[in-house]
Amino acid sequence: MNHDAYPDNYIRGILNGVKSIAMVGASPVNVRPSYFAFKYLAQRGYDMIPVNPGHVGKVLLGKPFVASLLDIDQPIDMVEIFRNSSHIMPIVDEALKLTPLPKVIWMQLGARDDAAAAKAEAAGLKVVMNRCPKIEYGRLSSEISWMGVNSRTLSSKRAPLPTQGMRLSLDRSSVGGGETAASDRAAKNKRELS
């Protein structure tokens, strides 16, 4: 898998195929990006599980925090890692101890660990790095276009406003995928600086 550019069908397949998401690094603080992503995905019908040892005993949108992935008493479809890159390998190692294994390891914006990704893929898991499922869901459903953002998806019909727990269709046609000239330049500049 080329982790520099994901085909829309790959992202779409993941977001359509998962039901339960364990968010490692979730925060109950309502100004943190992990809070917004957690709330958004829960409102779209995903069964969200907050994982953060610093908040055990608290709840996030009615869901109790657990200290680790191993403390979750149900199968997990996706592990979303909301931690920086230096913390990814231990989380992937923990995810690979789960029975059954999750289907997906998703690393949030700014998080990337190619060795951890290779390890997860060798175990049969799909991996996404340096992407936000909230943003990808909004882009693929064209919901993000309601705010004036070019989602690069085409449809003659505006997507319906979602209600609590409603999943929007992610099957809108995409034009050129999620890549843009700006993102391509940023990735190229980052590689040249490394």
C-alpha atoms as a PDB file:
ATOM      1  CA  MET A   1       0.000   0.000   0.000  1.00  0.00           C
ATOM      2  CA  ASN A   2       1.280   3.428  -0.889  1.00  0.00           C
ATOM      3  CA  HIS A   3       0.786   5.375   2.329  1.00  0.00           C
ATOM      4  CA  ASP A   4       1.453   8.721   0.663  1.00  0.00           C
ATOM      5  CA  ALA A   5      -1.783   8.651  -1.367  1.00  0.00           C
ATOM      6  CA  TYR A   6      -4.836   6.498  -0.608  1.00  0.00           C
ATOM      7  CA  PRO A   7      -7.410   5.733  -3.289  1.00  0.00           C
ATOM      8  CA  ASP A   8     -10.874   6.960  -2.350  1.00  0.00           C
ATOM      9  CA  ASN A   9     -12.238   3.422  -2.681  1.00  0.00           C
ATOM     10  CA  TYR A  10      -9.779   2.210  -0.020  1.00  0.00           C
ATOM     11  CA  ILE A  11     -10.878   4.902   2.476  1.00  0.00           C
ATOM     12  CA  ARG A  12     -14.536   4.475   1.484  1.00  0.00           C
ATOM     13  CA  GLY A  13     -14.329   0.707   1.997  1.00  0.00           C
ATOM     14  CA  ILE A  14     -12.904   1.164   5.487  1.00  0.00           C
ATOM     15  CA  LEU A  15     -15.448   3.763   6.585  1.00  0.00           C
ATOM     16  CA  ASN A  16     -18.341   1.716   5.179  1.00  0.00           C
ATOM     17  CA  GLY A  17     -17.014  -1.542   6.652  1.00  0.00           C
ATOM     18  CA  VAL A  18     -16.300  -0.660  10.273  1.00  0.00           C
ATOM     19  CA  LYS A  19     -18.867  -0.350  13.044  1.00  0.00           C
ATOM     20  CA  SER A  20     -16.837  -0.125  16.268  1.00  0.00           C
ATOM     21  CA  ILE A  21     -13.907   2.262  16.696  1.00  0.00           C
ATOM     22  CA  ALA A  22     -11.562   2.397  19.685  1.00  0.00           C
ATOM     23  CA  MET A  23     -10.014   5.875  19.829  1.00  0.00           C
ATOM     24  CA  VAL A  24      -6.673   5.753  21.631  1.00  0.00           C
ATOM     25  CA  GLY A  25      -5.943   9.216  23.002  1.00  0.00           C
ATOM     26  CA  ALA A  26      -9.570  10.355  23.205  1.00  0.00           C
ATOM     27  CA  SER A  27     -10.113  13.385  25.414  1.00  0.00           C
ATOM     28  CA  PRO A  28     -13.175  14.549  27.367  1.00  0.00           C
ATOM     29  CA  VAL A  29     -12.009  18.170  26.946  1.00  0.00           C
ATOM     30  CA  ASN A  30     -14.453  19.641  24.441  1.00  0.00           C
ATOM     31  CA  VAL A  31     -11.899  21.861  22.688  1.00  0.00           C
ATOM     32  CA  ARG A  32      -9.517  19.028  21.805  1.00  0.00           C
ATOM     33  CA  PRO A  33      -9.456  17.663  18.229  1.00  0.00           C
ATOM     34  CA  SER A  34      -9.937  14.105  19.530  1.00  0.00           C
ATOM     35  CA  TYR A  35     -13.182  15.199  21.222  1.00  0.00           C
ATOM     36  CA  PHE A  36     -14.522  16.666  17.957  1.00  0.00           C
ATOM     37  CA  ALA A  37     -13.574  13.566  15.952  1.00  0.00           C
ATOM     38  CA  PHE A  38     -15.046  11.235  18.597  1.00  0.00           C
ATOM     39  CA  LYS A  39     -18.323  13.170  18.731  1.00  0.00           C
ATOM     40  CA  TYR A  40     -18.612  13.451  14.945  1.00  0.00           C
ATOM     41  CA  LEU A  41     -18.059   9.734  14.361  1.00  0.00           C
ATOM     42  CA  ALA A  42     -20.459   8.794  17.190  1.00  0.00           C
ATOM     43  CA  GLN A  43     -23.106  11.040  15.601  1.00  0.00           C
ATOM     44  CA  ARG A  44     -22.611   9.193  12.314  1.00  0.00           C
ATOM     45  CA  GLY A  45     -23.520   5.862  13.939  1.00  0.00           C
ATOM     46  CA  TYR A  46     -20.128   4.398  14.820  1.00  0.00           C
ATOM     47  CA  ASP A  47     -19.830   2.608  18.176  1.00  0.00           C
ATOM     48  CA  MET A  48     -17.057   4.695  19.716  1.00  0.00           C
ATOM     49  CA  ILE A  49     -14.873   3.508  22.608  1.00  0.00           C
ATOM     50  CA  PRO A  50     -12.632   6.089  24.341  1.00  0.00           C
ATOM     51  CA  VAL A  51      -9.204   4.747  25.355  1.00  0.00           C
ATOM     52  CA  ASN A  52      -7.087   6.898  27.675  1.00  0.00           C
ATOM     53  CA  PRO A  53      -5.593   5.718  30.991  1.00  0.00           C
ATOM     54  CA  GLY A  54      -5.580   9.283  32.317  1.00  0.00           C
ATOM     55  CA  HIS A  55      -9.367   9.499  32.168  1.00  0.00           C
ATOM     56  CA  VAL A  56     -10.509   6.116  33.515  1.00  0.00           C
ATOM     57  CA  GLY A  57     -13.594   6.682  35.668  1.00  0.00           C
ATOM     58  CA  LYS A  58     -14.860   9.433  33.363  1.00  0.00           C
ATOM     59  CA  VAL A  59     -17.219   9.148  30.415  1.00  0.00           C
ATOM     60  CA  LEU A  60     -17.138  10.692  26.961  1.00  0.00           C
ATOM     61  CA  LEU A  61     -20.584  11.243  25.463  1.00  0.00           C
ATOM     62  CA  GLY A  62     -21.958   8.449  27.642  1.00  0.00           C
ATOM     63  CA  LYS A  63     -19.134   6.011  26.881  1.00  0.00           C
ATOM     64  CA  PRO A  64     -16.828   5.049  29.777  1.00  0.00           C
ATOM     65  CA  PHE A  65     -13.081   5.437  29.281  1.00  0.00           C
ATOM     66  CA  VAL A  66     -10.914   2.321  29.339  1.00  0.00           C
ATOM     67  CA  ALA A  67      -7.204   2.294  30.119  1.00  0.00           C
ATOM     68  CA  SER A  68      -6.053   0.188  27.176  1.00  0.00           C
ATOM     69  CA  LEU A  69      -7.245  -1.732  24.152  1.00  0.00           C
ATOM     70  CA  LEU A  70      -6.936  -4.953  26.148  1.00  0.00           C
ATOM     71  CA  ASP A  71      -9.601  -3.654  28.576  1.00  0.00           C
ATOM     72  CA  ILE A  72     -12.268  -3.552  25.866  1.00  0.00           C
ATOM     73  CA  ASP A  73     -14.749  -6.401  26.226  1.00  0.00           C
ATOM     74  CA  GLN A  74     -16.065  -6.473  22.668  1.00  0.00           C
ATOM     75  CA  PRO A  75     -14.624  -6.933  19.181  1.00  0.00           C
ATOM     76  CA  ILE A  76     -13.151  -3.747  17.668  1.00  0.00           C
ATOM     77  CA  ASP A  77     -13.258  -3.087  13.943  1.00  0.00           C
ATOM     78  CA  MET A  78     -10.869  -0.132  13.921  1.00  0.00           C
ATOM     79  CA  VAL A  79      -8.230   1.307  16.225  1.00  0.00           C
ATOM     80  CA  GLU A  80      -7.884   5.039  15.688  1.00  0.00           C
ATOM     81  CA  ILE A  81      -4.625   6.365  17.119  1.00  0.00           C
ATOM     82  CA  PHE A  82      -4.814   9.955  18.321  1.00  0.00           C
ATOM     83  CA  ARG A  83      -1.249  10.011  19.652  1.00  0.00           C
ATOM     84  CA  ASN A  84       2.008  11.264  18.195  1.00  0.00           C
ATOM     85  CA  SER A  85       4.199   9.013  16.092  1.00  0.00           C
ATOM     86  CA  SER A  86       6.506   7.949  18.924  1.00  0.00           C
ATOM     87  CA  HIS A  87       3.598   6.157  20.662  1.00  0.00           C
ATOM     88  CA  ILE A  88       2.281   4.232  17.664  1.00  0.00           C
ATOM     89  CA  MET A  89       4.312   0.989  17.759  1.00  0.00           C
ATOM     90  CA  PRO A  90       3.284   0.036  21.329  1.00  0.00           C
ATOM     91  CA  ILE A  91      -0.365   0.675  20.443  1.00  0.00           C
ATOM     92  CA  VAL A  92      -0.108  -1.475  17.309  1.00  0.00           C
ATOM     93  CA  ASP A  93       1.594  -4.216  19.361  1.00  0.00           C
ATOM     94  CA  GLU A  94      -1.313  -4.084  21.823  1.00  0.00           C
ATOM     95  CA  ALA A  95      -3.882  -4.163  18.990  1.00  0.00           C
ATOM     96  CA  LEU A  96      -2.205  -7.279  17.565  1.00  0.00           C
ATOM     97  CA  LYS A  97      -2.848  -9.070  20.892  1.00  0.00           C
ATOM     98  CA  LEU A  98      -6.628  -8.627  20.546  1.00  0.00           C
ATOM     99  CA  THR A  99      -8.875 -11.542  19.681  1.00  0.00           C
ATOM    100  CA  PRO A 100     -10.337 -11.144  17.168  1.00  0.00           C
ATOM    101  CA  LEU A 101      -7.921  -8.750  15.525  1.00  0.00           C
ATOM    102  CA  PRO A 102      -9.261  -5.366  14.449  1.00  0.00           C
ATOM    103  CA  LYS A 103      -9.662  -4.831  10.711  1.00  0.00           C
ATOM    104  CA  VAL A 104      -7.990  -1.414  10.579  1.00  0.00           C
ATOM    105  CA  ILE A 105      -5.279   0.669  12.238  1.00  0.00           C
ATOM    106  CA  TRP A 106      -5.910   4.356  11.531  1.00  0.00           C
ATOM    107  CA  MET A 107      -3.312   6.972  12.493  1.00  0.00           C
ATOM    108  CA  GLN A 108      -4.581  10.524  12.899  1.00  0.00           C
ATOM    109  CA  LEU A 109      -3.258  13.593  11.076  1.00  0.00           C
ATOM    110  CA  GLY A 110       0.455  14.081  11.745  1.00  0.00           C
ATOM    111  CA  ALA A 111       0.920  10.489  12.949  1.00  0.00           C
ATOM    112  CA  ARG A 112       2.980   8.087  10.893  1.00  0.00           C
ATOM    113  CA  ASP A 113       5.047   4.988  11.673  1.00  0.00           C
ATOM    114  CA  ASP A 114       5.987   2.937   8.613  1.00  0.00           C
ATOM    115  CA  ALA A 115       7.410   0.058  10.684  1.00  0.00           C
ATOM    116  CA  ALA A 116       4.192  -0.206  12.717  1.00  0.00           C
ATOM    117  CA  ALA A 117       2.172  -0.039   9.500  1.00  0.00           C
ATOM    118  CA  ALA A 118       4.212  -2.867   7.955  1.00  0.00           C
ATOM    119  CA  LYS A 119       3.752  -4.956  11.109  1.00  0.00           C
ATOM    120  CA  ALA A 120      -0.024  -4.439  11.073  1.00  0.00           C
ATOM    121  CA  GLU A 121      -0.279  -5.140   7.341  1.00  0.00           C
ATOM    122  CA  ALA A 122       1.767  -8.339   7.779  1.00  0.00           C
ATOM    123  CA  ALA A 123      -0.912  -9.444  10.266  1.00  0.00           C
ATOM    124  CA  GLY A 124      -3.625  -8.760   7.663  1.00  0.00           C
ATOM    125  CA  LEU A 125      -4.865  -5.383   8.889  1.00  0.00           C
ATOM    126  CA  LYS A 126      -5.542  -2.369   6.695  1.00  0.00           C
ATOM    127  CA  VAL A 127      -3.617   0.764   7.644  1.00  0.00           C
ATOM    128  CA  VAL A 128      -4.221   4.462   7.118  1.00  0.00           C
ATOM    129  CA  MET A 129      -1.655   7.034   8.252  1.00  0.00           C
ATOM    130  CA  ASN A 130      -1.728  10.816   8.551  1.00  0.00           C
ATOM    131  CA  ARG A 131      -5.451  11.090   7.800  1.00  0.00           C
ATOM    132  CA  CYS A 132      -8.528  11.992   9.841  1.00  0.00           C
ATOM    133  CA  PRO A 133     -11.592   9.745   9.510  1.00  0.00           C
ATOM    134  CA  LYS A 134     -13.823  12.724  10.366  1.00  0.00           C
ATOM    135  CA  ILE A 135     -12.402  14.727   7.460  1.00  0.00           C
ATOM    136  CA  GLU A 136     -12.437  11.748   5.091  1.00  0.00           C
ATOM    137  CA  TYR A 137     -16.041  10.917   6.001  1.00  0.00           C
ATOM    138  CA  GLY A 138     -17.090  14.537   5.453  1.00  0.00           C
ATOM    139  CA  ARG A 139     -15.232  14.694   2.146  1.00  0.00           C
ATOM    140  CA  LEU A 140     -16.534  11.405   0.750  1.00  0.00           C
ATOM    141  CA  SER A 141     -20.126  12.117   1.808  1.00  0.00           C
ATOM    142  CA  SER A 142     -19.871  15.683   0.402  1.00  0.00           C
ATOM    143  CA  GLU A 143     -20.988  16.931   3.820  1.00  0.00           C
ATOM    144  CA  ILE A 144     -17.839  19.053   4.022  1.00  0.00           C
ATOM    145  CA  SER A 145     -18.976  20.969   0.924  1.00  0.00           C
ATOM    146  CA  TRP A 146     -21.816  22.503   2.944  1.00  0.00           C
ATOM    147  CA  MET A 147     -19.142  24.715   4.503  1.00  0.00           C
ATOM    148  CA  GLY A 148     -17.748  25.851   1.159  1.00  0.00           C
ATOM    149  CA  VAL A 149     -14.918  23.308   0.985  1.00  0.00           C
ATOM    150  CA  ASN A 150     -14.335  21.635  -2.376  1.00  0.00           C
ATOM    151  CA  SER A 151     -14.867  17.971  -1.500  1.00  0.00           C
ATOM    152  CA  ARG A 152     -13.916  16.852  -5.024  1.00  0.00           C
ATOM    153  CA  THR A 153     -17.062  14.700  -5.088  1.00  0.00           C
ATOM    154  CA  LEU A 154     -19.808  15.103  -7.649  1.00  0.00           C
ATOM    155  CA  SER A 155     -23.542  14.682  -7.322  1.00  0.00           C
ATOM    156  CA  SER A 156     -26.584  16.443  -8.694  1.00  0.00           C
ATOM    157  CA  LYS A 157     -28.231  16.086  -5.280  1.00  0.00           C
ATOM    158  CA  ARG A 158     -27.168  17.660  -2.052  1.00  0.00           C
ATOM    159  CA  ALA A 159     -26.565  15.105   0.698  1.00  0.00           C
ATOM    160  CA  PRO A 160     -29.237  15.138   3.418  1.00  0.00           C
ATOM    161  CA  LEU A 161     -28.487  16.743   6.752  1.00  0.00           C
ATOM    162  CA  PRO A 162     -27.630  13.848   9.062  1.00  0.00           C
ATOM    163  CA  THR A 163     -29.675  13.087  12.132  1.00  0.00           C
ATOM    164  CA  GLN A 164     -28.293  11.445  15.283  1.00  0.00           C
ATOM    165  CA  GLY A 165     -26.741   8.089  14.346  1.00  0.00           C
ATOM    166  CA  MET A 166     -27.383   8.493  10.610  1.00  0.00           C
ATOM    167  CA  ARG A 167     -24.680   7.431   8.218  1.00  0.00           C
ATOM    168  CA  LEU A 168     -24.386   9.415   5.020  1.00  0.00           C
ATOM    169  CA  SER A 169     -23.656   7.739   1.714  1.00  0.00           C
ATOM    170  CA  LEU A 170     -19.940   7.624   0.972  1.00  0.00           C
ATOM    171  CA  ASP A 171     -20.584   6.415  -2.574  1.00  0.00           C
ATOM    172  CA  ARG A 172     -20.498   9.766  -4.354  1.00  0.00           C
ATOM    173  CA  SER A 173     -18.231   9.927  -7.379  1.00  0.00           C
ATOM    174  CA  SER A 174     -14.827  11.444  -6.738  1.00  0.00           C
ATOM    175  CA  VAL A 175     -12.824  13.597  -9.084  1.00  0.00           C
ATOM    176  CA  GLY A 176      -9.112  12.861  -8.845  1.00  0.00           C
ATOM    177  CA  GLY A 177      -9.282  11.419  -5.321  1.00  0.00           C
ATOM    178  CA  GLY A 178      -8.359  13.293  -2.195  1.00  0.00           C
ATOM    179  CA  GLU A 179      -5.030  14.525  -3.444  1.00  0.00           C
ATOM    180  CA  THR A 180      -4.545  18.158  -4.358  1.00  0.00           C
ATOM    181  CA  ALA A 181      -1.632  20.021  -5.874  1.00  0.00           C
ATOM    182  CA  ALA A 182      -1.005  21.624  -2.473  1.00  0.00           C
ATOM    183  CA  SER A 183      -0.911  18.284  -0.652  1.00  0.00           C
ATOM    184  CA  ASP A 184       1.356  16.826  -3.336  1.00  0.00           C
ATOM    185  CA  ARG A 185       3.776  19.777  -2.966  1.00  0.00           C
ATOM    186  CA  ALA A 186       3.753  19.485   0.835  1.00  0.00           C
ATOM    187  CA  ALA A 187       4.533  15.756   0.679  1.00  0.00           C
ATOM    188  CA  LYS A 188       7.318  16.367  -1.858  1.00  0.00           C
ATOM    189  CA  ASN A 189       8.833  19.179   0.256  1.00  0.00           C
ATOM    190  CA  LYS A 190       8.702  16.998   3.359  1.00  0.00           C
ATOM    191  CA  ARG A 191      10.500  14.145   1.576  1.00  0.00           C
ATOM    192  CA  GLU A 192      13.172  16.546   0.280  1.00  0.00           C
ATOM    193  CA  LEU A 193      13.818  17.893   3.787  1.00  0.00           C
ATOM    194  CA  SER A 194      14.208  14.399   5.256  1.00  0.00           C
END
